[in-house]
Amino acid sequence: MERQIALDRSDQLRALYEEVAGYPVPEDASDGEQAEPAAYFALPLRIEHDGRVLSFVSSISTFNTPMDVTVAELAIETFLPADPATSKYLHTLAG
C-alpha cells in the first residue's frame, strides 16, 4: 500500500492506509500475547458466497525498473485458495 501511495499520491489511499494502520493487532488466543505479524508476501481474505465462507491468500507482485515507467506501475494480484474446502468448491463452480 505504501508503494501505491508513493506512485499515485492519492489522499484517499493515504487516509485508508492511516485508518488500517491504526487497527489493533489481535491477541494470540492461546497465550494472550500479541500475534506475530503476518508474512509480507501474502494477505488472508475470507468472503462469504452462497452461505459458504471461502478462504483465499492474496499476493501482489510488482515489477520495478527505473528504465520502464509502464512496467514500474504494473501490479498483478493473485487469489489462491487457502484451504481444501475452498479449492473443492471453486472446482465445482468451474464445472
Protein backbone atom coordinates (compact mmCIF):
# COMPACT_ATOMS: atom_id res chain seq x y z
CA MET A 1 0.00 0.00 0.00
CA GLU A 2 2.88 2.35 0.77
CA ARG A 3 4.26 1.73 -2.72
CA GLN A 4 0.89 2.52 -4.30
CA ILE A 5 0.59 5.73 -2.27
CA ALA A 6 4.06 6.79 -3.41
CA LEU A 7 3.15 6.14 -7.06
CA ASP A 8 -0.35 7.67 -7.05
CA ARG A 9 -0.04 10.34 -4.35
CA SER A 10 -3.70 9.67 -3.54
CA ASP A 11 -5.18 11.42 -0.49
CA GLN A 12 -7.96 8.80 -0.31
CA LEU A 13 -5.49 5.92 -0.33
CA ARG A 14 -3.36 7.67 2.30
CA ALA A 15 -6.46 8.08 4.51
CA LEU A 16 -7.31 4.37 4.10
CA TYR A 17 -3.73 3.40 4.95
CA GLU A 18 -3.75 5.55 8.10
CA GLU A 19 -7.09 4.05 9.17
CA VAL A 20 -5.98 0.45 8.67
CA ALA A 21 -2.58 1.08 10.29
CA GLY A 22 -4.45 2.20 13.41
CA TYR A 23 -6.33 -1.09 13.80
CA PRO A 24 -5.30 -3.06 16.88
CA VAL A 25 -3.17 -6.17 16.43
CA PRO A 26 -5.20 -9.22 17.54
CA GLU A 27 -4.01 -11.21 20.52
CA ASP A 28 -2.98 -14.83 20.16
CA ALA A 29 -5.87 -16.83 21.62
CA SER A 30 -3.60 -19.41 23.23
CA ASP A 31 -1.50 -17.21 25.49
CA GLY A 32 -2.92 -13.68 25.42
CA GLU A 33 0.22 -12.31 23.73
CA GLN A 34 0.07 -10.17 20.60
CA ALA A 35 0.11 -12.29 17.47
CA GLU A 36 3.18 -12.18 15.25
CA PRO A 37 2.72 -10.01 12.16
CA ALA A 38 1.63 -11.94 9.08
CA ALA A 39 4.12 -12.60 6.33
CA TYR A 40 4.50 -9.64 3.99
CA PHE A 41 4.13 -11.67 0.82
CA ALA A 42 0.50 -12.75 1.34
CA LEU A 43 -2.73 -11.36 2.73
CA PRO A 44 -5.52 -13.64 4.01
CA LEU A 45 -9.01 -12.99 2.66
CA ARG A 46 -12.30 -14.56 3.73
CA ILE A 47 -15.51 -13.91 1.87
CA GLU A 48 -19.00 -15.41 2.06
CA HIS A 49 -20.58 -16.76 -1.11
CA ASP A 50 -23.93 -18.57 -1.09
CA GLY A 51 -23.67 -19.23 2.64
CA ARG A 52 -20.12 -20.61 2.46
CA VAL A 53 -17.03 -18.94 3.85
CA LEU A 54 -14.27 -19.08 1.25
CA SER A 55 -10.66 -18.55 2.32
CA PHE A 56 -8.04 -17.15 -0.02
CA VAL A 57 -4.49 -15.93 0.14
CA SER A 58 -3.86 -12.77 -1.87
CA SER A 59 -0.43 -11.94 -3.19
CA ILE A 60 0.51 -8.85 -5.20
CA SER A 61 3.55 -8.94 -7.46
CA THR A 62 5.11 -5.72 -8.69
CA PHE A 63 7.83 -5.10 -11.23
CA ASN A 64 10.18 -2.22 -10.57
CA THR A 65 12.66 -0.98 -13.08
CA PRO A 66 13.86 2.60 -13.40
CA MET A 67 14.05 2.33 -17.17
CA ASP A 68 10.43 1.46 -17.94
CA VAL A 69 7.66 3.52 -16.33
CA THR A 70 4.93 1.28 -17.74
CA VAL A 71 6.35 -1.83 -16.10
CA ALA A 72 7.04 0.01 -12.83
CA GLU A 73 3.30 0.71 -12.48
CA LEU A 74 2.26 -2.88 -13.22
CA ALA A 75 0.91 -4.96 -10.33
CA ILE A 76 -0.59 -8.44 -10.58
CA GLU A 77 -2.85 -9.63 -7.75
CA THR A 78 -3.46 -13.36 -7.39
CA PHE A 79 -6.05 -15.03 -5.18
CA LEU A 80 -5.28 -18.65 -4.29
CA PRO A 81 -7.49 -21.00 -2.25
CA ALA A 82 -6.19 -21.12 1.31
CA ASP A 83 -7.82 -24.42 2.25
CA PRO A 84 -9.02 -27.65 0.60
CA ALA A 85 -12.72 -26.81 1.07
CA THR A 86 -12.37 -23.54 -0.86
CA SER A 87 -10.41 -25.27 -3.61
CA LYS A 88 -13.01 -28.01 -3.96
CA TYR A 89 -15.88 -25.50 -4.07
CA LEU A 90 -14.17 -23.42 -6.76
CA HIS A 91 -13.59 -26.53 -8.85
CA THR A 92 -17.32 -27.35 -8.67
CA LEU A 93 -18.15 -23.81 -9.86
CA ALA A 94 -15.74 -24.13 -12.79
CA GLY A 95 -17.56 -27.29 -13.88
